[in-house]
Amino acid sequence: MATATLHAADAPALEAIGRAIAAHLRAGDVVTLEGGLGAGKTTLARGLLRGLGFAGEAPSPTFAIVQGYEPPETRLPIAHVDLYRLEDAGEVAELGLDDWLEGGALVVEWPDRLGGLYADSALVIHIAVVADGGRILTVAVPGAWEGRWPQR
C-alpha cells in the first residue's frame, strides 16, 4: 500500500482535498477518515460531497450515523457515515453499509469502530492538527486506487 502526505493550511484547503478525491471516486470505494475531535473529518467529507455535486447543506451524521446522498444530488450514491456513537463493531452490520457499495461509495468517520471491515480496500486518511492550525493528512492508498490517486 502506497502512502502520501498532504498539508491543508485551513478549512477551505481541506475541502479542496475532498473535492480532488471525489473526482476519482467510483462505485465500490470506501474512504475512511481518522483523527481526533475537531481534526476536520467532517470538513473533508463535505468537500468530497461538494466534489460529487452536492450543493446543499451537508450536516454531520453524528446522531443519524448514516446520511445518504443519491443522484441527481450527487453523481453517484454515497453514504457519509459517522461511527463515533457506536460502542461495538457488531452494531455496524445493522447499518447496511455494504448496500451502499453496490453502485455507490462510503466515506466513514471513526473507522476504528468498523472492526477491520474494509481495512484492505479503503483509502485511509488520517488527519492531524499541527501547531499553526493547519492539518497534515497521511494517506494510505490501497491497490484499488493506484493510478487514480489525485496527485497534488
Protein backbone atom coordinates (compact mmCIF):
# COMPACT_ATOMS: atom_id res chain seq x y z
CA MET A 1 0.00 0.00 0.00
CA ALA A 2 1.45 3.36 -1.06
CA THR A 3 1.37 6.38 1.24
CA ALA A 4 1.09 10.11 0.65
CA THR A 5 1.31 13.17 2.88
CA LEU A 6 -0.68 16.34 2.24
CA HIS A 7 -0.87 19.68 4.05
CA ALA A 8 -4.06 21.72 4.39
CA ALA A 9 -3.49 25.23 5.73
CA ASP A 10 -7.15 25.82 6.57
CA ALA A 11 -10.71 24.51 6.18
CA PRO A 12 -11.07 25.60 2.52
CA ALA A 13 -7.85 23.72 1.69
CA LEU A 14 -9.19 20.64 3.46
CA GLU A 15 -12.42 20.89 1.46
CA ALA A 16 -10.38 21.23 -1.75
CA ILE A 17 -8.62 17.96 -0.96
CA GLY A 18 -12.04 16.33 -0.52
CA ARG A 19 -13.16 17.68 -3.90
CA ALA A 20 -9.99 16.33 -5.54
CA ILE A 21 -10.61 12.88 -4.08
CA ALA A 22 -14.25 12.98 -5.25
CA ALA A 23 -13.11 13.44 -8.84
CA HIS A 24 -11.61 9.95 -8.69
CA LEU A 25 -14.26 8.22 -6.57
CA ARG A 26 -16.17 5.34 -8.11
CA ALA A 27 -18.73 2.76 -7.09
CA GLY A 28 -17.44 0.30 -4.50
CA ASP A 29 -14.95 2.74 -2.96
CA VAL A 30 -14.58 3.27 0.78
CA VAL A 31 -12.80 6.35 2.15
CA THR A 32 -12.09 6.31 5.88
CA LEU A 33 -11.29 9.44 7.88
CA GLU A 34 -9.31 9.16 11.11
CA GLY A 35 -8.41 11.88 13.59
CA GLY A 36 -9.45 13.34 16.90
CA LEU A 37 -12.45 15.51 17.63
CA GLY A 38 -12.20 18.72 15.62
CA ALA A 39 -9.48 17.39 13.30
CA GLY A 40 -11.52 18.16 10.18
CA LYS A 41 -13.02 14.82 9.21
CA THR A 42 -16.45 16.27 8.50
CA THR A 43 -14.95 19.24 6.64
CA LEU A 44 -13.07 16.85 4.35
CA ALA A 45 -16.23 14.75 3.88
CA ARG A 46 -18.18 17.89 2.95
CA GLY A 47 -15.56 18.72 0.34
CA LEU A 48 -15.90 15.22 -1.05
CA LEU A 49 -19.69 15.63 -1.23
CA ARG A 50 -19.25 19.00 -2.98
CA GLY A 51 -16.92 17.33 -5.46
CA LEU A 52 -19.65 14.80 -6.20
CA GLY A 53 -22.03 17.64 -6.99
CA PHE A 54 -23.92 18.06 -3.73
CA ALA A 55 -24.90 21.72 -3.41
CA GLY A 56 -26.97 21.61 -0.22
CA GLU A 57 -26.04 21.79 3.45
CA ALA A 58 -24.27 18.57 4.49
CA PRO A 59 -24.90 18.03 8.19
CA SER A 60 -22.59 15.95 10.32
CA PRO A 61 -24.16 12.49 10.65
CA THR A 62 -23.06 12.12 14.29
CA PHE A 63 -26.60 11.47 15.50
CA ALA A 64 -28.09 9.94 12.35
CA ILE A 65 -24.94 7.77 11.97
CA VAL A 66 -25.59 7.28 8.22
CA GLN A 67 -26.55 10.16 5.92
CA GLY A 68 -27.15 9.13 2.34
CA TYR A 69 -26.88 11.18 -0.84
CA GLU A 70 -28.07 9.98 -4.23
CA PRO A 71 -28.34 11.20 -7.81
CA PRO A 72 -29.36 13.68 -9.03
CA GLU A 73 -27.88 15.45 -5.95
CA THR A 74 -24.58 13.60 -6.43
CA ARG A 75 -23.01 11.89 -9.43
CA LEU A 76 -23.09 8.55 -7.60
CA PRO A 77 -24.79 7.31 -4.44
CA ILE A 78 -22.70 7.87 -1.33
CA ALA A 79 -23.22 7.40 2.38
CA HIS A 80 -21.50 9.72 4.85
CA VAL A 81 -21.09 7.60 7.98
CA ASP A 82 -20.07 8.77 11.46
CA LEU A 83 -19.46 5.84 13.81
CA TYR A 84 -18.48 7.95 16.83
CA ARG A 85 -21.52 6.88 18.88
CA LEU A 86 -21.17 3.14 18.15
CA GLU A 87 -19.85 1.17 21.08
CA ASP A 88 -19.44 -2.23 19.46
CA ALA A 89 -18.26 -3.25 15.98
CA GLY A 90 -21.16 -5.74 15.93
CA GLU A 91 -23.53 -2.80 15.51
CA VAL A 92 -22.03 -1.99 12.10
CA ALA A 93 -23.81 -4.91 10.41
CA GLU A 94 -27.16 -3.30 11.27
CA LEU A 95 -26.28 -0.17 9.27
CA GLY A 96 -26.42 -1.81 5.82
CA LEU A 97 -23.18 -0.21 4.64
CA ASP A 98 -22.49 -2.92 2.06
CA ASP A 99 -25.74 -1.97 0.32
CA TRP A 100 -24.24 1.45 -0.47
CA LEU A 101 -21.26 -0.19 -2.17
CA GLU A 102 -23.50 -1.76 -4.82
CA GLY A 103 -23.33 1.17 -7.21
CA GLY A 104 -22.18 3.71 -4.63
CA ALA A 105 -19.45 4.58 -2.16
CA LEU A 106 -18.83 5.23 1.55
CA VAL A 107 -16.99 7.94 3.44
CA VAL A 108 -16.59 6.80 7.06
CA GLU A 109 -15.57 8.84 10.09
CA TRP A 110 -14.25 6.95 13.15
CA PRO A 111 -13.41 3.80 11.15
CA ASP A 112 -11.77 2.17 14.19
CA ARG A 113 -15.34 1.11 15.09
CA LEU A 114 -15.62 -0.94 11.87
CA GLY A 115 -13.77 -3.84 13.48
CA GLY A 116 -11.42 -4.17 10.48
CA LEU A 117 -14.19 -4.10 7.86
CA TYR A 118 -12.87 -2.62 4.58
CA ALA A 119 -9.34 -2.45 6.04
CA ASP A 120 -7.72 -3.97 2.94
CA SER A 121 -9.52 -1.86 0.35
CA ALA A 122 -10.23 1.54 1.93
CA LEU A 123 -8.47 4.77 1.12
CA VAL A 124 -7.38 5.64 4.67
CA ILE A 125 -6.87 9.30 5.56
CA HIS A 126 -5.51 10.25 8.97
CA ILE A 127 -5.86 13.95 9.82
CA ALA A 128 -3.61 15.55 12.44
CA VAL A 129 -3.81 19.13 13.68
CA VAL A 130 -0.47 20.96 13.56
CA ALA A 131 0.75 23.90 15.64
CA ASP A 132 -0.12 26.54 13.04
CA GLY A 133 -3.73 25.34 12.98
CA GLY A 134 -3.32 23.57 9.66
CA ARG A 135 -3.71 19.86 9.07
CA ILE A 136 -1.35 17.13 7.96
CA LEU A 137 -3.08 14.30 6.13
CA THR A 138 -1.36 10.94 5.98
CA VAL A 139 -2.99 8.80 3.30
CA ALA A 140 -2.71 5.04 2.84
CA VAL A 141 -3.50 4.41 -0.81
CA PRO A 142 -4.72 0.85 -1.49
CA GLY A 143 -4.06 -1.03 -4.71
CA ALA A 144 -7.56 -0.26 -5.96
CA TRP A 145 -6.62 3.47 -6.03
CA GLU A 146 -3.31 3.04 -7.85
CA GLY A 147 -3.31 5.13 -10.99
CA ARG A 148 -6.21 7.30 -9.81
CA TRP A 149 -4.96 8.77 -6.54
CA PRO A 150 -5.05 12.54 -7.09
CA GLN A 151 -1.52 13.81 -7.37
CA ARG A 152 -1.28 17.29 -5.87
